[in-house]
PDB file of all heavy atoms in Angstrom:
ATOM      1  N   ASP A   1       2.866  12.281 -11.102  1.00  0.00           N
ATOM      2  CA  ASP A   1       3.589  11.388 -12.007  1.00  0.00           C
ATOM      3  C   ASP A   1       5.082  11.685 -11.958  1.00  0.00           C
ATOM      4  O   ASP A   1       5.486  12.852 -11.946  1.00  0.00           O
ATOM      5  CB  ASP A   1       3.078  11.543 -13.435  1.00  0.00           C
ATOM      6  CG  ASP A   1       1.664  11.024 -13.600  1.00  0.00           C
ATOM      7  OD1 ASP A   1       1.258  10.143 -12.816  1.00  0.00           O
ATOM      8  OD2 ASP A   1       0.961  11.505 -14.510  1.00  0.00           O
ATOM      9  N   ILE A   2       5.872  10.632 -11.955  1.00  0.00           N
ATOM     10  CA  ILE A   2       7.330  10.743 -11.916  1.00  0.00           C
ATOM     11  C   ILE A   2       7.905  10.074 -13.160  1.00  0.00           C
ATOM     12  O   ILE A   2       7.502   8.977 -13.519  1.00  0.00           O
ATOM     13  CB  ILE A   2       7.905  10.050 -10.656  1.00  0.00           C
ATOM     14  CG1 ILE A   2       7.333  10.657  -9.375  1.00  0.00           C
ATOM     15  CG2 ILE A   2       9.424  10.058 -10.663  1.00  0.00           C
ATOM     16  CD1 ILE A   2       7.669  12.118  -9.176  1.00  0.00           C
ATOM     17  N   ASP A   3       8.851  10.736 -13.785  1.00  0.00           N
ATOM     18  CA  ASP A   3       9.663  10.160 -14.853  1.00  0.00           C
ATOM     19  C   ASP A   3      11.012  10.858 -14.774  1.00  0.00           C
ATOM     20  O   ASP A   3      11.218  11.911 -15.370  1.00  0.00           O
ATOM     21  CB  ASP A   3       9.018  10.356 -16.224  1.00  0.00           C
ATOM     22  CG  ASP A   3       9.754   9.589 -17.322  1.00  0.00           C
ATOM     23  OD1 ASP A   3      10.832   9.007 -17.049  1.00  0.00           O
ATOM     24  OD2 ASP A   3       9.259   9.571 -18.462  1.00  0.00           O
ATOM     25  N   ALA A   4      11.919  10.287 -13.996  1.00  0.00           N
ATOM     26  CA  ALA A   4      13.213  10.911 -13.730  1.00  0.00           C
ATOM     27  C   ALA A   4      14.341  10.001 -14.194  1.00  0.00           C
ATOM     28  O   ALA A   4      14.271   8.782 -14.042  1.00  0.00           O
ATOM     29  CB  ALA A   4      13.354  11.201 -12.243  1.00  0.00           C
ATOM     30  N   ARG A   5      15.368  10.610 -14.737  1.00  0.00           N
ATOM     31  CA  ARG A   5      16.544   9.867 -15.207  1.00  0.00           C
ATOM     32  C   ARG A   5      17.756  10.313 -14.386  1.00  0.00           C
ATOM     33  O   ARG A   5      17.887  11.494 -14.046  1.00  0.00           O
ATOM     34  CB  ARG A   5      16.783  10.122 -16.682  1.00  0.00           C
ATOM     35  CG  ARG A   5      15.649   9.569 -17.530  1.00  0.00           C
ATOM     36  CD  ARG A   5      15.844   9.898 -19.007  1.00  0.00           C
ATOM     37  NE  ARG A   5      14.669   9.563 -19.759  1.00  0.00           N
ATOM     38  CZ  ARG A   5      14.461   8.381 -20.352  1.00  0.00           C
ATOM     39  NH1 ARG A   5      15.363   7.439 -20.252  1.00  0.00           N
ATOM     40  NH2 ARG A   5      13.358   8.148 -21.027  1.00  0.00           N
ATOM     41  N   PHE A   6      18.615   9.362 -14.102  1.00  0.00           N
ATOM     42  CA  PHE A   6      19.801   9.605 -13.302  1.00  0.00           C
ATOM     43  C   PHE A   6      21.020   9.034 -14.012  1.00  0.00           C
ATOM     44  O   PHE A   6      20.937   7.972 -14.642  1.00  0.00           O
ATOM     45  CB  PHE A   6      19.667   8.931 -11.926  1.00  0.00           C
ATOM     46  CG  PHE A   6      18.551   9.487 -11.099  1.00  0.00           C
ATOM     47  CD1 PHE A   6      17.240   9.071 -11.293  1.00  0.00           C
ATOM     48  CD2 PHE A   6      18.796  10.438 -10.120  1.00  0.00           C
ATOM     49  CE1 PHE A   6      16.207   9.583 -10.532  1.00  0.00           C
ATOM     50  CE2 PHE A   6      17.759  10.969  -9.358  1.00  0.00           C
ATOM     51  CZ  PHE A   6      16.464  10.533  -9.571  1.00  0.00           C
ATOM     52  N   ALA A   7      22.136   9.738 -13.902  1.00  0.00           N
ATOM     53  CA  ALA A   7      23.428   9.282 -14.420  1.00  0.00           C
ATOM     54  C   ALA A   7      24.488   9.890 -13.512  1.00  0.00           C
ATOM     55  O   ALA A   7      24.206  10.794 -12.728  1.00  0.00           O
ATOM     56  CB  ALA A   7      23.623   9.713 -15.866  1.00  0.00           C
ATOM     57  N   ARG A   8      25.690   9.412 -13.631  1.00  0.00           N
ATOM     58  CA  ARG A   8      26.766   9.881 -12.762  1.00  0.00           C
ATOM     59  C   ARG A   8      27.815  10.616 -13.604  1.00  0.00           C
ATOM     60  O   ARG A   8      28.990  10.327 -13.550  1.00  0.00           O
ATOM     61  CB  ARG A   8      27.339   8.692 -12.008  1.00  0.00           C
ATOM     62  CG  ARG A   8      26.260   8.019 -11.129  1.00  0.00           C
ATOM     63  CD  ARG A   8      26.723   6.766 -10.476  1.00  0.00           C
ATOM     64  NE  ARG A   8      27.905   6.937  -9.656  1.00  0.00           N
ATOM     65  CZ  ARG A   8      27.905   7.339  -8.383  1.00  0.00           C
ATOM     66  NH1 ARG A   8      26.761   7.603  -7.781  1.00  0.00           N
ATOM     67  NH2 ARG A   8      29.032   7.457  -7.720  1.00  0.00           N
ATOM     68  N   THR A   9      27.363  11.597 -14.382  1.00  0.00           N
ATOM     69  CA  THR A   9      28.204  12.252 -15.384  1.00  0.00           C
ATOM     70  C   THR A   9      28.994  13.447 -14.861  1.00  0.00           C
ATOM     71  O   THR A   9      29.889  13.918 -15.552  1.00  0.00           O
ATOM     72  CB  THR A   9      27.344  12.718 -16.566  1.00  0.00           C
ATOM     73  OG1 THR A   9      26.292  13.550 -16.059  1.00  0.00           O
ATOM     74  CG2 THR A   9      26.740  11.531 -17.300  1.00  0.00           C
ATOM     75  N   ASN A  10      28.660  13.982 -13.703  1.00  0.00           N
ATOM     76  CA  ASN A  10      29.419  15.093 -13.117  1.00  0.00           C
ATOM     77  C   ASN A  10      29.141  15.124 -11.618  1.00  0.00           C
ATOM     78  O   ASN A  10      28.345  14.333 -11.103  1.00  0.00           O
ATOM     79  CB  ASN A  10      29.076  16.430 -13.798  1.00  0.00           C
ATOM     80  CG  ASN A  10      27.625  16.818 -13.647  1.00  0.00           C
ATOM     81  OD1 ASN A  10      27.037  16.731 -12.568  1.00  0.00           O
ATOM     82  ND2 ASN A  10      27.017  17.263 -14.743  1.00  0.00           N
ATOM     83  N   GLY A  11      29.798  16.035 -10.909  1.00  0.00           N
ATOM     84  CA  GLY A  11      29.663  16.089  -9.460  1.00  0.00           C
ATOM     85  C   GLY A  11      28.234  16.296  -8.984  1.00  0.00           C
ATOM     86  O   GLY A  11      27.814  15.708  -7.991  1.00  0.00           O
ATOM     87  N   CYS A  12      27.467  17.118  -9.676  1.00  0.00           N
ATOM     88  CA  CYS A  12      26.076  17.371  -9.277  1.00  0.00           C
ATOM     89  C   CYS A  12      25.219  16.123  -9.468  1.00  0.00           C
ATOM     90  O   CYS A  12      24.391  15.792  -8.613  1.00  0.00           O
ATOM     91  CB  CYS A  12      25.496  18.526 -10.084  1.00  0.00           C
ATOM     92  SG  CYS A  12      26.300  20.114  -9.783  1.00  0.00           S
ATOM     93  N   GLU A  13      25.406  15.434 -10.584  1.00  0.00           N
ATOM     94  CA  GLU A  13      24.619  14.226 -10.852  1.00  0.00           C
ATOM     95  C   GLU A  13      25.014  13.092  -9.897  1.00  0.00           C
ATOM     96  O   GLU A  13      24.158  12.305  -9.484  1.00  0.00           O
ATOM     97  CB  GLU A  13      24.782  13.795 -12.304  1.00  0.00           C
ATOM     98  CG  GLU A  13      24.182  14.761 -13.308  1.00  0.00           C
ATOM     99  CD  GLU A  13      22.663  14.865 -13.252  1.00  0.00           C
ATOM    100  OE1 GLU A  13      21.993  14.012 -12.623  1.00  0.00           O
ATOM    101  OE2 GLU A  13      22.123  15.797 -13.852  1.00  0.00           O
ATOM    102  N   ILE A  14      26.299  13.014  -9.539  1.00  0.00           N
ATOM    103  CA  ILE A  14      26.735  12.014  -8.568  1.00  0.00           C
ATOM    104  C   ILE A  14      26.065  12.288  -7.221  1.00  0.00           C
ATOM    105  O   ILE A  14      25.537  11.380  -6.575  1.00  0.00           O
ATOM    106  CB  ILE A  14      28.267  12.011  -8.439  1.00  0.00           C
ATOM    107  CG1 ILE A  14      28.917  11.515  -9.732  1.00  0.00           C
ATOM    108  CG2 ILE A  14      28.719  11.150  -7.250  1.00  0.00           C
ATOM    109  CD1 ILE A  14      30.414  11.741  -9.805  1.00  0.00           C
ATOM    110  N   ALA A  15      26.063  13.549  -6.781  1.00  0.00           N
ATOM    111  CA  ALA A  15      25.424  13.916  -5.511  1.00  0.00           C
ATOM    112  C   ALA A  15      23.924  13.636  -5.551  1.00  0.00           C
ATOM    113  O   ALA A  15      23.344  13.169  -4.565  1.00  0.00           O
ATOM    114  CB  ALA A  15      25.689  15.387  -5.204  1.00  0.00           C
ATOM    115  N   ARG A  16      23.289  13.903  -6.664  1.00  0.00           N
ATOM    116  CA  ARG A  16      21.848  13.638  -6.822  1.00  0.00           C
ATOM    117  C   ARG A  16      21.572  12.149  -6.671  1.00  0.00           C
ATOM    118  O   ARG A  16      20.625  11.735  -5.996  1.00  0.00           O
ATOM    119  CB  ARG A  16      21.397  14.159  -8.188  1.00  0.00           C
ATOM    120  CG  ARG A  16      19.940  13.970  -8.501  1.00  0.00           C
ATOM    121  CD  ARG A  16      19.620  14.663  -9.831  1.00  0.00           C
ATOM    122  NE  ARG A  16      18.266  14.375 -10.234  1.00  0.00           N
ATOM    123  CZ  ARG A  16      17.926  13.744 -11.350  1.00  0.00           C
ATOM    124  NH1 ARG A  16      18.844  13.342 -12.204  1.00  0.00           N
ATOM    125  NH2 ARG A  16      16.665  13.518 -11.643  1.00  0.00           N
ATOM    126  N   TRP A  17      22.398  11.315  -7.301  1.00  0.00           N
ATOM    127  CA  TRP A  17      22.263   9.854  -7.202  1.00  0.00           C
ATOM    128  C   TRP A  17      22.433   9.427  -5.745  1.00  0.00           C
ATOM    129  O   TRP A  17      21.610   8.691  -5.202  1.00  0.00           O
ATOM    130  CB  TRP A  17      23.309   9.194  -8.094  1.00  0.00           C
ATOM    131  CG  TRP A  17      23.287   7.697  -8.119  1.00  0.00           C
ATOM    132  CD1 TRP A  17      23.583   6.840  -7.076  1.00  0.00           C
ATOM    133  CD2 TRP A  17      22.961   6.858  -9.229  1.00  0.00           C
ATOM    134  NE1 TRP A  17      23.470   5.541  -7.488  1.00  0.00           N
ATOM    135  CE2 TRP A  17      23.093   5.524  -8.797  1.00  0.00           C
ATOM    136  CE3 TRP A  17      22.600   7.118 -10.541  1.00  0.00           C
ATOM    137  CZ2 TRP A  17      22.867   4.445  -9.642  1.00  0.00           C
ATOM    138  CZ3 TRP A  17      22.371   6.039 -11.376  1.00  0.00           C
ATOM    139  CH2 TRP A  17      22.491   4.718 -10.929  1.00  0.00           C
ATOM    140  N   GLU A  18      23.519   9.881  -5.130  1.00  0.00           N
ATOM    141  CA  GLU A  18      23.827   9.438  -3.769  1.00  0.00           C
ATOM    142  C   GLU A  18      22.812   9.909  -2.745  1.00  0.00           C
ATOM    143  O   GLU A  18      22.592   9.243  -1.741  1.00  0.00           O
ATOM    144  CB  GLU A  18      25.248   9.869  -3.397  1.00  0.00           C
ATOM    145  CG  GLU A  18      26.281   9.092  -4.196  1.00  0.00           C
ATOM    146  CD  GLU A  18      27.717   9.516  -3.945  1.00  0.00           C
ATOM    147  OE1 GLU A  18      27.941  10.515  -3.211  1.00  0.00           O
ATOM    148  OE2 GLU A  18      28.615   8.845  -4.492  1.00  0.00           O
ATOM    149  N   SER A  19      22.158  11.041  -2.982  1.00  0.00           N
ATOM    150  CA  SER A  19      21.134  11.505  -2.046  1.00  0.00           C
ATOM    151  C   SER A  19      19.923  10.576  -2.038  1.00  0.00           C
ATOM    152  O   SER A  19      19.159  10.570  -1.083  1.00  0.00           O
ATOM    153  CB  SER A  19      20.693  12.935  -2.372  1.00  0.00           C
ATOM    154  OG  SER A  19      19.845  12.961  -3.495  1.00  0.00           O
ATOM    155  N   LEU A  20      19.752   9.787  -3.096  1.00  0.00           N
ATOM    156  CA  LEU A  20      18.624   8.863  -3.179  1.00  0.00           C
ATOM    157  C   LEU A  20      18.954   7.446  -2.710  1.00  0.00           C
ATOM    158  O   LEU A  20      18.102   6.569  -2.791  1.00  0.00           O
ATOM    159  CB  LEU A  20      18.096   8.801  -4.612  1.00  0.00           C
ATOM    160  CG  LEU A  20      16.907   9.672  -4.912  1.00  0.00           C
ATOM    161  CD1 LEU A  20      16.415   9.464  -6.327  1.00  0.00           C
ATOM    162  CD2 LEU A  20      15.786   9.493  -3.945  1.00  0.00           C
ATOM    163  N   GLN A  21      20.171   7.215  -2.255  1.00  0.00           N
ATOM    164  CA  GLN A  21      20.485   5.872  -1.752  1.00  0.00           C
ATOM    165  C   GLN A  21      19.684   5.644  -0.476  1.00  0.00           C
ATOM    166  O   GLN A  21      19.582   6.556   0.335  1.00  0.00           O
ATOM    167  CB  GLN A  21      21.987   5.737  -1.483  1.00  0.00           C
ATOM    168  CG  GLN A  21      22.798   5.704  -2.740  1.00  0.00           C
ATOM    169  CD  GLN A  21      24.300   5.657  -2.463  1.00  0.00           C
ATOM    170  OE1 GLN A  21      24.751   5.755  -1.332  1.00  0.00           O
ATOM    171  NE2 GLN A  21      25.073   5.540  -3.510  1.00  0.00           N
ATOM    172  N   PRO A  22      19.056   4.545  -0.286  1.00  0.00           N
ATOM    173  CA  PRO A  22      19.091   3.279  -0.999  1.00  0.00           C
ATOM    174  C   PRO A  22      17.992   3.083  -2.037  1.00  0.00           C
ATOM    175  O   PRO A  22      17.800   1.960  -2.496  1.00  0.00           O
ATOM    176  CB  PRO A  22      18.949   2.265   0.120  1.00  0.00           C
ATOM    177  CG  PRO A  22      18.018   2.922   1.076  1.00  0.00           C
ATOM    178  CD  PRO A  22      18.391   4.394   1.013  1.00  0.00           C
ATOM    179  N   VAL A  23      17.270   4.133  -2.416  1.00  0.00           N
ATOM    180  CA  VAL A  23      16.324   3.982  -3.527  1.00  0.00           C
ATOM    181  C   VAL A  23      17.106   3.539  -4.764  1.00  0.00           C
ATOM    182  O   VAL A  23      16.722   2.603  -5.450  1.00  0.00           O
ATOM    183  CB  VAL A  23      15.547   5.292  -3.796  1.00  0.00           C
ATOM    184  CG1 VAL A  23      14.620   5.142  -4.981  1.00  0.00           C
ATOM    185  CG2 VAL A  23      14.782   5.732  -2.551  1.00  0.00           C
ATOM    186  N   LEU A  24      18.220   4.245  -5.011  1.00  0.00           N
ATOM    187  CA  LEU A  24      19.171   3.832  -6.040  1.00  0.00           C
ATOM    188  C   LEU A  24      20.330   3.125  -5.333  1.00  0.00           C
ATOM    189  O   LEU A  24      20.703   3.510  -4.219  1.00  0.00           O
ATOM    190  CB  LEU A  24      19.685   5.046  -6.822  1.00  0.00           C
ATOM    191  CG  LEU A  24      18.632   5.795  -7.640  1.00  0.00           C
ATOM    192  CD1 LEU A  24      19.259   7.011  -8.306  1.00  0.00           C
ATOM    193  CD2 LEU A  24      17.998   4.877  -8.668  1.00  0.00           C
ATOM    194  N   PRO A  25      20.936   2.135  -5.957  1.00  0.00           N
ATOM    195  CA  PRO A  25      22.007   1.398  -5.292  1.00  0.00           C
ATOM    196  C   PRO A  25      23.306   2.196  -5.270  1.00  0.00           C
ATOM    197  O   PRO A  25      23.481   3.146  -6.026  1.00  0.00           O
ATOM    198  CB  PRO A  25      22.178   0.155  -6.171  1.00  0.00           C
ATOM    199  CG  PRO A  25      21.817   0.631  -7.539  1.00  0.00           C
ATOM    200  CD  PRO A  25      20.688   1.610  -7.317  1.00  0.00           C
ATOM    201  N   GLN A  26      24.198   1.786  -4.379  1.00  0.00           N
ATOM    202  CA  GLN A  26      25.527   2.361  -4.395  1.00  0.00           C
ATOM    203  C   GLN A  26      26.202   1.878  -5.674  1.00  0.00           C
ATOM    204  O   GLN A  26      26.215   0.679  -5.967  1.00  0.00           O
ATOM    205  CB  GLN A  26      26.318   1.913  -3.184  1.00  0.00           C
ATOM    206  CG  GLN A  26      27.659   2.567  -3.084  1.00  0.00           C
ATOM    207  CD  GLN A  26      28.339   2.259  -1.758  1.00  0.00           C
ATOM    208  OE1 GLN A  26      27.855   1.459  -0.964  1.00  0.00           O
ATOM    209  NE2 GLN A  26      29.466   2.893  -1.523  1.00  0.00           N
ATOM    210  N   ALA A  27      26.721   2.811  -6.443  1.00  0.00           N
ATOM    211  CA  ALA A  27      27.330   2.462  -7.729  1.00  0.00           C
ATOM    212  C   ALA A  27      28.847   2.415  -7.580  1.00  0.00           C
ATOM    213  O   ALA A  27      29.425   3.152  -6.782  1.00  0.00           O
ATOM    214  CB  ALA A  27      26.934   3.471  -8.801  1.00  0.00           C
ATOM    215  N   ARG A  28      29.447   1.563  -8.365  1.00  0.00           N
ATOM    216  CA  ARG A  28      30.906   1.458  -8.402  1.00  0.00           C
ATOM    217  C   ARG A  28      31.399   2.092  -9.677  1.00  0.00           C
ATOM    218  O   ARG A  28      30.844   1.846 -10.747  1.00  0.00           O
ATOM    219  CB  ARG A  28      31.321  -0.012  -8.343  1.00  0.00           C
ATOM    220  CG  ARG A  28      30.863  -0.701  -7.090  1.00  0.00           C
ATOM    221  CD  ARG A  28      31.253  -2.144  -7.108  1.00  0.00           C
ATOM    222  NE  ARG A  28      30.608  -2.843  -5.982  1.00  0.00           N
ATOM    223  CZ  ARG A  28      30.279  -4.095  -5.985  1.00  0.00           C
ATOM    224  NH1 ARG A  28      30.540  -4.859  -7.026  1.00  0.00           N
ATOM    225  NH2 ARG A  28      29.722  -4.648  -4.919  1.00  0.00           N
ATOM    226  N   SER A  29      32.439   2.885  -9.563  1.00  0.00           N
ATOM    227  CA  SER A  29      33.004   3.555 -10.751  1.00  0.00           C
ATOM    228  C   SER A  29      33.759   2.586 -11.630  1.00  0.00           C
ATOM    229  O   SER A  29      34.339   1.670 -11.219  1.00  0.00           O
ATOM    230  CB  SER A  29      33.951   4.671 -10.343  1.00  0.00           C
ATOM    231  OG  SER A  29      33.297   5.602  -9.539  1.00  0.00           O
TER     232      SER A  29
END
């Protein structure tokens, strides 16, 4: 089971988001 939350609140969270592209879309600041 998966229940994961993502945000772009700091450098680590930004890297976590970007490592999942294209599962998650490219975000614009």
